Amino acid sequence: MILFSSELELRLENEIKMNKLIIDAVNEKIFLMIITSKNIYNITYDNTKINYEKLIIIINDFLKNKNLKIDDISKIYVNKGPGSFAGIRNSISLVKAFNISKKIDYYCYSFEDFKGEKNVSHENIPDLCDKFKIKKNLINTNYIS
């Protein structure tokens, strides 16, 4: 099989861009996870107003620390609650901005979406979203009143 350079570049780009970012800012800690084909990385920050305001900086620093940039992310998974209104609002706003500017698909999940599932953890979110048919690029938040 002969590959033309543009086809080869597209294949390489698709192989490189299979990284997933999980953002969970609904609880007392902001939790970020990067899932690559070879590794899983995560980090937490205190869930404070200051950290909400610099969430983009926190994400960029986390990516940079793992030799990645936002262009290397193919899908983003964001927790839609229930939980902190400010955490949900800020993380979803950021994810929508990534979708508009970088064309990165996102999935808004809730741990409540996976009722009855025994092995629910952040690293399983992409598979669980597939299994439970969570729609991409759709936001339906669950705030705590």
Protein backbone atom coordinates (compact mmCIF):
# COMPACT_ATOMS: atom_id res chain seq x y z
CA MET A 1 0.00 0.00 0.00
CA ILE A 2 1.37 3.39 -1.00
CA LEU A 3 0.66 6.35 1.28
CA PHE A 4 0.77 9.87 -0.06
CA SER A 5 2.37 12.42 2.24
CA SER A 6 -0.93 14.15 3.06
CA GLU A 7 -2.53 10.81 3.94
CA LEU A 8 0.46 9.88 6.09
CA GLU A 9 0.34 13.25 7.87
CA LEU A 10 -3.37 12.79 8.56
CA ARG A 11 -2.77 9.30 9.96
CA LEU A 12 0.08 10.56 12.16
CA GLU A 13 -2.00 13.50 13.35
CA ASN A 14 -4.88 11.18 14.28
CA GLU A 15 -2.53 8.84 16.14
CA ILE A 16 -0.97 11.68 18.10
CA LYS A 17 -4.28 13.38 18.93
CA MET A 18 -5.88 10.51 20.85
CA ASN A 19 -5.29 12.22 24.18
CA LYS A 20 -8.24 12.85 26.47
CA LEU A 21 -8.66 15.51 29.15
CA ILE A 22 -11.03 15.09 32.09
CA ILE A 23 -12.09 18.15 34.07
CA ASP A 24 -13.99 17.72 37.32
CA ALA A 25 -14.57 20.92 39.32
CA VAL A 26 -17.81 20.07 41.11
CA ASN A 27 -16.42 19.00 44.49
CA GLU A 28 -14.01 20.49 47.04
CA LYS A 29 -11.05 19.75 44.74
CA ILE A 30 -10.54 20.58 41.07
CA PHE A 31 -9.48 17.30 39.49
CA LEU A 32 -7.73 17.10 36.11
CA MET A 33 -6.70 13.95 34.27
CA ILE A 34 -4.94 13.37 30.97
CA ILE A 35 -5.30 9.96 29.35
CA THR A 36 -2.79 9.21 26.59
CA SER A 37 -2.26 5.98 24.71
CA LYS A 38 0.61 5.14 27.08
CA ASN A 39 -0.04 6.93 30.40
CA ILE A 40 -2.59 8.44 32.73
CA TYR A 41 -1.73 11.62 34.62
CA ASN A 42 -3.80 13.48 37.20
CA ILE A 43 -3.56 16.44 39.51
CA THR A 44 -5.82 18.19 42.02
CA TYR A 45 -6.15 21.77 43.20
CA ASP A 46 -8.19 23.36 45.95
CA ASN A 47 -11.59 24.37 44.69
CA THR A 48 -11.38 28.11 45.35
CA LYS A 49 -12.52 31.24 43.57
CA ILE A 50 -8.90 32.08 42.71
CA ASN A 51 -8.40 28.69 41.07
CA TYR A 52 -11.66 29.02 39.13
CA GLU A 53 -10.45 32.31 37.73
CA LYS A 54 -7.18 30.77 36.58
CA LEU A 55 -8.52 27.37 35.48
CA ILE A 56 -7.19 27.86 31.94
CA ILE A 57 -3.72 28.56 33.35
CA ILE A 58 -3.92 25.47 35.57
CA ILE A 59 -4.91 23.30 32.61
CA ASN A 60 -2.23 24.74 30.33
CA ASP A 61 0.45 24.28 33.01
CA PHE A 62 -0.68 20.69 33.57
CA LEU A 63 -0.54 19.95 29.83
CA LYS A 64 2.83 21.68 29.47
CA ASN A 65 4.22 19.69 32.38
CA LYS A 66 3.36 16.51 30.43
CA ASN A 67 4.84 17.89 27.17
CA LEU A 68 1.39 18.43 25.67
CA LYS A 69 -0.63 21.39 24.51
CA ILE A 70 -4.36 21.83 24.03
CA ASP A 71 -3.97 21.03 20.31
CA ASP A 72 -2.86 17.52 21.34
CA ILE A 73 -6.22 16.83 23.03
CA SER A 74 -8.89 15.08 20.96
CA LYS A 75 -11.72 14.85 23.52
CA ILE A 76 -12.60 16.59 26.75
CA TYR A 77 -14.85 15.13 29.45
CA VAL A 78 -16.33 17.60 31.92
CA ASN A 79 -18.36 16.81 35.03
CA LYS A 80 -21.75 18.54 34.79
CA GLY A 81 -22.66 18.01 38.43
CA PRO A 82 -24.43 17.99 40.72
CA GLY A 83 -22.06 20.15 42.63
CA SER A 84 -20.56 23.60 42.84
CA PHE A 85 -22.31 26.10 40.57
CA ALA A 86 -19.12 28.13 40.05
CA GLY A 87 -17.05 25.01 39.32
CA ILE A 88 -19.55 23.70 36.79
CA ARG A 89 -20.04 27.09 35.13
CA ASN A 90 -16.32 27.82 34.79
CA SER A 91 -15.30 24.38 33.57
CA ILE A 92 -18.12 24.18 31.02
CA SER A 93 -17.38 27.71 29.76
CA LEU A 94 -13.77 26.74 29.25
CA VAL A 95 -14.67 23.51 27.47
CA LYS A 96 -17.07 25.34 25.16
CA ALA A 97 -14.30 27.81 24.33
CA PHE A 98 -11.98 24.91 23.45
CA ASN A 99 -14.72 23.45 21.27
CA ILE A 100 -15.26 26.71 19.40
CA SER A 101 -11.61 27.69 19.03
CA LYS A 102 -9.92 24.29 18.62
CA LYS A 103 -12.83 22.09 17.45
CA ILE A 104 -12.29 19.68 20.37
CA ASP A 105 -15.33 17.53 21.07
CA TYR A 106 -16.54 17.41 24.66
CA TYR A 107 -18.76 15.16 26.73
CA CYS A 108 -20.66 16.40 29.80
CA TYR A 109 -21.03 13.52 32.23
CA SER A 110 -22.32 13.07 35.74
CA PHE A 111 -21.45 10.18 38.01
CA GLU A 112 -25.24 9.81 38.33
CA ASP A 113 -25.29 8.85 34.62
CA PHE A 114 -23.49 5.62 35.50
CA LYS A 115 -25.86 4.24 38.16
CA GLY A 116 -25.51 0.52 38.66
CA GLU A 117 -21.96 0.51 37.32
CA LYS A 118 -19.43 -0.99 39.73
CA ASN A 119 -16.12 0.31 38.40
CA VAL A 120 -16.69 4.07 38.21
CA SER A 121 -13.53 6.15 38.37
CA HIS A 122 -12.16 9.07 36.41
CA GLU A 123 -9.94 6.92 34.19
CA ASN A 124 -13.04 4.96 33.12
CA ILE A 125 -15.08 8.04 32.16
CA PRO A 126 -14.35 7.84 28.38
CA ASP A 127 -15.42 4.17 28.21
CA LEU A 128 -18.45 4.80 30.42
CA CYS A 129 -19.54 7.74 28.24
CA ASP A 130 -19.38 5.41 25.23
CA LYS A 131 -21.22 2.62 27.05
CA PHE A 132 -24.00 4.89 28.34
CA LYS A 133 -24.18 6.80 25.03
CA ILE A 134 -23.42 10.23 26.49
CA LYS A 135 -23.93 12.66 23.61
CA LYS A 136 -21.02 14.81 22.52
CA ASN A 137 -21.15 18.60 22.53
CA LEU A 138 -24.34 18.64 24.63
CA ILE A 139 -24.62 20.40 27.97
CA ASN A 140 -27.31 19.66 30.53
CA THR A 141 -26.03 20.73 33.95
CA ASN A 142 -27.07 19.54 37.42
CA TYR A 143 -26.54 22.24 40.03
CA ILE A 144 -27.07 21.71 43.76
CA SER A 145 -29.70 24.15 45.01
